[in-house]
Amino acid sequence: MKPSLLPSGRQRGIPFLLPDDWTPEQALAVVELLDDLRETIWNHYQIPLHELLRELYAPTSSEKFAINEPDDPPF
């Protein structure tokens, strides 16, 4: 069985198993906890995270100025 990709793209590490008997209320509590954690981390590290994301995902200089051939569709 091929491992599923996490949003981070990681395929290695310590496996994390979720109980399969949570109630919807328990699952929602965990989702809300993770949302709160994400918001707290973002608020504290907003500027360095923004700079890192810009470095990771900004187009390279060759991508910025790439010229499309006339026969290439714009999409």
PDB file of N, CA and C in Angstrom:
ATOM      1  N   MET A   1       0.847  -1.176   0.000  1.00  0.00           N
ATOM      2  CA  MET A   1       0.000   0.000   0.000  1.00  0.00           C
ATOM      3  C   MET A   1       0.891   1.237   0.000  1.00  0.00           C
ATOM      4  N   LYS A   2       0.644   2.168  -0.909  1.00  0.00           N
ATOM      5  CA  LYS A   2       1.431   3.386  -1.032  1.00  0.00           C
ATOM      6  C   LYS A   2       1.025   4.366   0.076  1.00  0.00           C
ATOM      7  N   PRO A   3       2.018   4.978   0.767  1.00  0.00           N
ATOM      8  CA  PRO A   3       1.656   5.923   1.826  1.00  0.00           C
ATOM      9  C   PRO A   3       0.974   7.156   1.243  1.00  0.00           C
ATOM     10  N   SER A   4      -0.002   7.656   1.975  1.00  0.00           N
ATOM     11  CA  SER A   4      -0.696   8.851   1.495  1.00  0.00           C
ATOM     12  C   SER A   4       0.171  10.069   1.765  1.00  0.00           C
ATOM     13  N   LEU A   5       0.049  11.054   0.900  1.00  0.00           N
ATOM     14  CA  LEU A   5       0.809  12.277   1.072  1.00  0.00           C
ATOM     15  C   LEU A   5       0.090  13.194   2.050  1.00  0.00           C
ATOM     16  N   LEU A   6       0.858  13.745   2.959  1.00  0.00           N
ATOM     17  CA  LEU A   6       0.325  14.748   3.858  1.00  0.00           C
ATOM     18  C   LEU A   6       0.392  16.095   3.163  1.00  0.00           C
ATOM     19  N   PRO A   7      -0.353  17.087   3.648  1.00  0.00           N
ATOM     20  CA  PRO A   7      -0.282  18.403   3.014  1.00  0.00           C
ATOM     21  C   PRO A   7       1.143  18.948   2.955  1.00  0.00           C
ATOM     22  N   SER A   8       1.977  18.567   3.919  1.00  0.00           N
ATOM     23  CA  SER A   8       3.364  19.027   3.924  1.00  0.00           C
ATOM     24  C   SER A   8       4.202  18.330   2.863  1.00  0.00           C
ATOM     25  N   GLY A   9       3.696  17.226   2.315  1.00  0.00           N
ATOM     26  CA  GLY A   9       4.446  16.449   1.341  1.00  0.00           C
ATOM     27  C   GLY A   9       5.353  15.404   1.972  1.00  0.00           C
ATOM     28  N   ARG A  10       5.403  15.370   3.278  1.00  0.00           N
ATOM     29  CA  ARG A  10       6.257  14.402   3.967  1.00  0.00           C
ATOM     30  C   ARG A  10       5.729  12.991   3.786  1.00  0.00           C
ATOM     31  N   GLN A  11       6.651  12.064   3.587  1.00  0.00           N
ATOM     32  CA  GLN A  11       6.286  10.663   3.440  1.00  0.00           C
ATOM     33  C   GLN A  11       6.970   9.806   4.482  1.00  0.00           C
ATOM     34  N   ARG A  12       7.837  10.409   5.294  1.00  0.00           N
ATOM     35  CA  ARG A  12       8.559   9.663   6.318  1.00  0.00           C
ATOM     36  C   ARG A  12       8.311  10.313   7.671  1.00  0.00           C
ATOM     37  N   GLY A  13       8.504   9.545   8.699  1.00  0.00           N
ATOM     38  CA  GLY A  13       8.367  10.084  10.041  1.00  0.00           C
ATOM     39  C   GLY A  13       7.622   9.103  10.927  1.00  0.00           C
ATOM     40  N   ILE A  14       7.272   9.562  12.089  1.00  0.00           N
ATOM     41  CA  ILE A  14       6.547   8.726  13.038  1.00  0.00           C
ATOM     42  C   ILE A  14       5.077   8.698  12.621  1.00  0.00           C
ATOM     43  N   PRO A  15       4.522   7.522  12.413  1.00  0.00           N
ATOM     44  CA  PRO A  15       3.114   7.468  12.014  1.00  0.00           C
ATOM     45  C   PRO A  15       2.214   7.970  13.138  1.00  0.00           C
ATOM     46  N   PHE A  16       1.171   8.608  12.755  1.00  0.00           N
ATOM     47  CA  PHE A  16       0.210   9.139  13.711  1.00  0.00           C
ATOM     48  C   PHE A  16      -1.134   8.496  13.424  1.00  0.00           C
ATOM     49  N   LEU A  17      -1.603   7.719  14.346  1.00  0.00           N
ATOM     50  CA  LEU A  17      -2.871   7.016  14.166  1.00  0.00           C
ATOM     51  C   LEU A  17      -3.982   7.752  14.901  1.00  0.00           C
ATOM     52  N   LEU A  18      -5.091   7.905  14.220  1.00  0.00           N
ATOM     53  CA  LEU A  18      -6.268   8.496  14.837  1.00  0.00           C
ATOM     54  C   LEU A  18      -7.188   7.384  15.324  1.00  0.00           C
ATOM     55  N   PRO A  19      -7.752   7.564  16.488  1.00  0.00           N
ATOM     56  CA  PRO A  19      -8.729   6.579  16.933  1.00  0.00           C
ATOM     57  C   PRO A  19      -9.914   6.552  15.967  1.00  0.00           C
ATOM     58  N   ASP A  20     -10.418   5.388  15.702  1.00  0.00           N
ATOM     59  CA  ASP A  20     -11.551   5.302  14.772  1.00  0.00           C
ATOM     60  C   ASP A  20     -12.891   5.315  15.490  1.00  0.00           C
ATOM     61  N   ASP A  21     -12.865   5.571  16.791  1.00  0.00           N
ATOM     62  CA  ASP A  21     -14.122   5.572  17.532  1.00  0.00           C
ATOM     63  C   ASP A  21     -14.449   6.942  18.133  1.00  0.00           C
ATOM     64  N   TRP A  22     -13.841   8.009  17.600  1.00  0.00           N
ATOM     65  CA  TRP A  22     -14.183   9.345  18.073  1.00  0.00           C
ATOM     66  C   TRP A  22     -15.614   9.668  17.680  1.00  0.00           C
ATOM     67  N   THR A  23     -16.248  10.437  18.521  1.00  0.00           N
ATOM     68  CA  THR A  23     -17.556  10.976  18.152  1.00  0.00           C
ATOM     69  C   THR A  23     -17.311  12.198  17.264  1.00  0.00           C
ATOM     70  N   PRO A  24     -18.313  12.636  16.535  1.00  0.00           N
ATOM     71  CA  PRO A  24     -18.139  13.869  15.754  1.00  0.00           C
ATOM     72  C   PRO A  24     -17.734  15.053  16.648  1.00  0.00           C
ATOM     73  N   GLU A  25     -18.242  15.098  17.869  1.00  0.00           N
ATOM     74  CA  GLU A  25     -17.894  16.176  18.779  1.00  0.00           C
ATOM     75  C   GLU A  25     -16.408  16.134  19.150  1.00  0.00           C
ATOM     76  N   GLN A  26     -15.871  14.934  19.371  1.00  0.00           N
ATOM     77  CA  GLN A  26     -14.452  14.802  19.683  1.00  0.00           C
ATOM     78  C   GLN A  26     -13.592  15.211  18.484  1.00  0.00           C
ATOM     79  N   ALA A  27     -13.984  14.783  17.310  1.00  0.00           N
ATOM     80  CA  ALA A  27     -13.232  15.152  16.108  1.00  0.00           C
ATOM     81  C   ALA A  27     -13.264  16.664  15.914  1.00  0.00           C
ATOM     82  N   LEU A  28     -14.404  17.283  16.121  1.00  0.00           N
ATOM     83  CA  LEU A  28     -14.522  18.736  15.987  1.00  0.00           C
ATOM     84  C   LEU A  28     -13.640  19.445  17.012  1.00  0.00           C
ATOM     85  N   ALA A  29     -13.578  18.933  18.232  1.00  0.00           N
ATOM     86  CA  ALA A  29     -12.730  19.542  19.264  1.00  0.00           C
ATOM     87  C   ALA A  29     -11.265  19.533  18.833  1.00  0.00           C
ATOM     88  N   VAL A  30     -10.813  18.453  18.216  1.00  0.00           N
ATOM     89  CA  VAL A  30      -9.430  18.377  17.747  1.00  0.00           C
ATOM     90  C   VAL A  30      -9.208  19.353  16.598  1.00  0.00           C
ATOM     91  N   VAL A  31     -10.142  19.419  15.664  1.00  0.00           N
ATOM     92  CA  VAL A  31     -10.023  20.356  14.541  1.00  0.00           C
ATOM     93  C   VAL A  31      -9.969  21.790  15.065  1.00  0.00           C
ATOM     94  N   GLU A  32     -10.806  22.123  16.027  1.00  0.00           N
ATOM     95  CA  GLU A  32     -10.798  23.469  16.595  1.00  0.00           C
ATOM     96  C   GLU A  32      -9.484  23.759  17.317  1.00  0.00           C
ATOM     97  N   LEU A  33      -8.950  22.772  18.027  1.00  0.00           N
ATOM     98  CA  LEU A  33      -7.661  22.928  18.690  1.00  0.00           C
ATOM     99  C   LEU A  33      -6.559  23.218  17.668  1.00  0.00           C
ATOM    100  N   LEU A  34      -6.550  22.469  16.586  1.00  0.00           N
ATOM    101  CA  LEU A  34      -5.540  22.676  15.544  1.00  0.00           C
ATOM    102  C   LEU A  34      -5.703  24.039  14.878  1.00  0.00           C
ATOM    103  N   ASP A  35      -6.949  24.462  14.650  1.00  0.00           N
ATOM    104  CA  ASP A  35      -7.192  25.795  14.090  1.00  0.00           C
ATOM    105  C   ASP A  35      -6.644  26.875  15.028  1.00  0.00           C
ATOM    106  N   ASP A  36      -6.908  26.727  16.334  1.00  0.00           N
ATOM    107  CA  ASP A  36      -6.416  27.699  17.308  1.00  0.00           C
ATOM    108  C   ASP A  36      -4.888  27.707  17.353  1.00  0.00           C
ATOM    109  N   LEU A  37      -4.284  26.534  17.302  1.00  0.00           N
ATOM    110  CA  LEU A  37      -2.827  26.433  17.315  1.00  0.00           C
ATOM    111  C   LEU A  37      -2.241  27.111  16.084  1.00  0.00           C
ATOM    112  N   ARG A  38      -2.818  26.831  14.917  1.00  0.00           N
ATOM    113  CA  ARG A  38      -2.342  27.452  13.677  1.00  0.00           C
ATOM    114  C   ARG A  38      -2.459  28.969  13.755  1.00  0.00           C
ATOM    115  N   GLU A  39      -3.574  29.475  14.231  1.00  0.00           N
ATOM    116  CA  GLU A  39      -3.784  30.921  14.342  1.00  0.00           C
ATOM    117  C   GLU A  39      -2.785  31.549  15.314  1.00  0.00           C
ATOM    118  N   THR A  40      -2.534  30.893  16.434  1.00  0.00           N
ATOM    119  CA  THR A  40      -1.593  31.412  17.425  1.00  0.00           C
ATOM    120  C   THR A  40      -0.174  31.456  16.860  1.00  0.00           C
ATOM    121  N   ILE A  41       0.230  30.386  16.186  1.00  0.00           N
ATOM    122  CA  ILE A  41       1.562  30.353  15.572  1.00  0.00           C
ATOM    123  C   ILE A  41       1.667  31.428  14.502  1.00  0.00           C
ATOM    124  N   TRP A  42       0.659  31.557  13.649  1.00  0.00           N
ATOM    125  CA  TRP A  42       0.695  32.568  12.586  1.00  0.00           C
ATOM    126  C   TRP A  42       0.793  33.966  13.179  1.00  0.00           C
ATOM    127  N   ASN A  43       0.009  34.249  14.221  1.00  0.00           N
ATOM    128  CA  ASN A  43       0.047  35.584  14.826  1.00  0.00           C
ATOM    129  C   ASN A  43       1.420  35.899  15.410  1.00  0.00           C
ATOM    130  N   HIS A  44       2.076  34.923  15.982  1.00  0.00           N
ATOM    131  CA  HIS A  44       3.376  35.147  16.603  1.00  0.00           C
ATOM    132  C   HIS A  44       4.503  35.247  15.575  1.00  0.00           C
ATOM    133  N   TYR A  45       4.447  34.432  14.530  1.00  0.00           N
ATOM    134  CA  TYR A  45       5.533  34.352  13.546  1.00  0.00           C
ATOM    135  C   TYR A  45       5.142  34.892  12.176  1.00  0.00           C
ATOM    136  N   GLN A  46       4.158  35.753  12.122  1.00  0.00           N
ATOM    137  CA  GLN A  46       3.585  36.183  10.853  1.00  0.00           C
ATOM    138  C   GLN A  46       4.627  36.709   9.866  1.00  0.00           C
ATOM    139  N   ILE A  47       5.468  37.634  10.272  1.00  0.00           N
ATOM    140  CA  ILE A  47       6.430  38.233   9.335  1.00  0.00           C
ATOM    141  C   ILE A  47       7.467  37.215   8.876  1.00  0.00           C
ATOM    142  N   PRO A  48       8.128  36.469   9.804  1.00  0.00           N
ATOM    143  CA  PRO A  48       9.096  35.481   9.309  1.00  0.00           C
ATOM    144  C   PRO A  48       8.453  34.388   8.458  1.00  0.00           C
ATOM    145  N   LEU A  49       7.234  33.992   8.795  1.00  0.00           N
ATOM    146  CA  LEU A  49       6.555  32.980   7.973  1.00  0.00           C
ATOM    147  C   LEU A  49       6.250  33.527   6.588  1.00  0.00           C
ATOM    148  N   HIS A  50       5.796  34.751   6.522  1.00  0.00           N
ATOM    149  CA  HIS A  50       5.487  35.366   5.230  1.00  0.00           C
ATOM    150  C   HIS A  50       6.747  35.448   4.368  1.00  0.00           C
ATOM    151  N   GLU A  51       7.857  35.852   4.984  1.00  0.00           N
ATOM    152  CA  GLU A  51       9.115  35.942   4.232  1.00  0.00           C
ATOM    153  C   GLU A  51       9.568  34.568   3.742  1.00  0.00           C
ATOM    154  N   LEU A  52       9.444  33.559   4.591  1.00  0.00           N
ATOM    155  CA  LEU A  52       9.835  32.211   4.202  1.00  0.00           C
ATOM    156  C   LEU A  52       8.951  31.693   3.075  1.00  0.00           C
ATOM    157  N   LEU A  53       7.651  31.895   3.183  1.00  0.00           N
ATOM    158  CA  LEU A  53       6.743  31.444   2.129  1.00  0.00           C
ATOM    159  C   LEU A  53       7.039  32.151   0.810  1.00  0.00           C
ATOM    160  N   ARG A  54       7.368  33.437   0.884  1.00  0.00           N
ATOM    161  CA  ARG A  54       7.712  34.177  -0.337  1.00  0.00           C
ATOM    162  C   ARG A  54       8.968  33.589  -0.971  1.00  0.00           C
ATOM    163  N   GLU A  55       9.980  33.268  -0.148  1.00  0.00           N
ATOM    164  CA  GLU A  55      11.205  32.662  -0.669  1.00  0.00           C
ATOM    165  C   GLU A  55      10.920  31.300  -1.309  1.00  0.00           C
ATOM    166  N   LEU A  56      10.064  30.520  -0.659  1.00  0.00           N
ATOM    167  CA  LEU A  56       9.798  29.167  -1.143  1.00  0.00           C
ATOM    168  C   LEU A  56       8.963  29.141  -2.418  1.00  0.00           C
ATOM    169  N   TYR A  57       8.020  30.066  -2.550  1.00  0.00           N
ATOM    170  CA  TYR A  57       7.051  29.971  -3.635  1.00  0.00           C
ATOM    171  C   TYR A  57       7.116  31.094  -4.662  1.00  0.00           C
ATOM    172  N   ALA A  58       7.991  32.062  -4.463  1.00  0.00           N
ATOM    173  CA  ALA A  58       8.101  33.142  -5.442  1.00  0.00           C
ATOM    174  C   ALA A  58       8.707  32.588  -6.731  1.00  0.00           C
ATOM    175  N   PRO A  59       8.257  33.085  -7.866  1.00  0.00           N
ATOM    176  CA  PRO A  59       8.852  32.621  -9.126  1.00  0.00           C
ATOM    177  C   PRO A  59      10.313  33.067  -9.212  1.00  0.00           C
ATOM    178  N   THR A  60      11.108  32.264  -9.864  1.00  0.00           N
ATOM    179  CA  THR A  60      12.505  32.641 -10.076  1.00  0.00           C
ATOM    180  C   THR A  60      12.554  33.750 -11.105  1.00  0.00           C
ATOM    181  N   SER A  61      13.691  34.399 -11.226  1.00  0.00           N
ATOM    182  CA  SER A  61      13.791  35.512 -12.175  1.00  0.00           C
ATOM    183  C   SER A  61      13.547  35.039 -13.603  1.00  0.00           C
ATOM    184  N   SER A  62      13.941  33.808 -13.930  1.00  0.00           N
ATOM    185  CA  SER A  62      13.698  33.308 -15.288  1.00  0.00           C
ATOM    186  C   SER A  62      12.209  33.040 -15.511  1.00  0.00           C
ATOM    187  N   GLU A  63      11.475  32.681 -14.453  1.00  0.00           N
ATOM    188  CA  GLU A  63      10.029  32.462 -14.607  1.00  0.00           C
ATOM    189  C   GLU A  63       9.292  33.786 -14.742  1.00  0.00           C
ATOM    190  N   LYS A  64       9.777  34.826 -14.062  1.00  0.00           N
ATOM    191  CA  LYS A  64       9.109  36.119 -14.113  1.00  0.00           C
ATOM    192  C   LYS A  64       9.099  36.692 -15.529  1.00  0.00           C
ATOM    193  N   PHE A  65      10.207  36.483 -16.251  1.00  0.00           N
ATOM    194  CA  PHE A  65      10.354  37.113 -17.545  1.00  0.00           C
ATOM    195  C   PHE A  65      10.248  36.132 -18.707  1.00  0.00           C
ATOM    196  N   ALA A  66       9.697  34.964 -18.455  1.00  0.00           N
ATOM    197  CA  ALA A  66       9.548  33.996 -19.535  1.00  0.00           C
ATOM    198  C   ALA A  66       8.551  34.549 -20.556  1.00  0.00           C
ATOM    199  N   ILE A  67       8.907  34.438 -21.799  1.00  0.00           N
ATOM    200  CA  ILE A  67       8.050  34.933 -22.874  1.00  0.00           C
ATOM    201  C   ILE A  67       7.356  33.739 -23.508  1.00  0.00           C
ATOM    202  N   ASN A  68       6.051  33.824 -23.580  1.00  0.00           N
ATOM    203  CA  ASN A  68       5.277  32.752 -24.221  1.00  0.00           C
ATOM    204  C   ASN A  68       5.418  32.846 -25.725  1.00  0.00           C
ATOM    205  N   GLU A  69       5.519  31.707 -26.332  1.00  0.00           N
ATOM    206  CA  GLU A  69       5.540  31.668 -27.783  1.00  0.00           C
ATOM    207  C   GLU A  69       4.152  32.084 -28.295  1.00  0.00           C
ATOM    208  N   PRO A  70       4.065  32.710 -29.470  1.00  0.00           N
ATOM    209  CA  PRO A  70       2.772  33.164 -29.983  1.00  0.00           C
ATOM    210  C   PRO A  70       1.758  32.037 -30.138  1.00  0.00           C
ATOM    211  N   ASP A  71       2.208  30.816 -30.401  1.00  0.00           N
ATOM    212  CA  ASP A  71       1.280  29.714 -30.585  1.00  0.00           C
ATOM    213  C   ASP A  71       0.819  29.099 -29.269  1.00  0.00           C
ATOM    214  N   ASP A  72       1.460  29.477 -28.164  1.00  0.00           N
ATOM    215  CA  ASP A  72       1.073  28.921 -26.869  1.00  0.00           C
ATOM    216  C   ASP A  72      -0.203  29.601 -26.377  1.00  0.00           C
ATOM    217  N   PRO A  73      -1.187  28.806 -25.947  1.00  0.00           N
ATOM    218  CA  PRO A  73      -2.377  29.439 -25.349  1.00  0.00           C
ATOM    219  C   PRO A  73      -2.004  30.075 -24.007  1.00  0.00           C
ATOM    220  N   PRO A  74      -2.708  31.109 -23.578  1.00  0.00           N
ATOM    221  CA  PRO A  74      -2.353  31.809 -22.351  1.00  0.00           C
ATOM    222  C   PRO A  74      -2.689  31.039 -21.083  1.00  0.00           C
ATOM    223  N   PHE A  75      -3.219  29.841 -21.205  1.00  0.00           N
ATOM    224  CA  PHE A  75      -3.591  29.080 -20.009  1.00  0.00           C
ATOM    225  C   PHE A  75      -2.988  27.724 -20.012  1.00  0.00           C
TER     226      PHE A  75
END
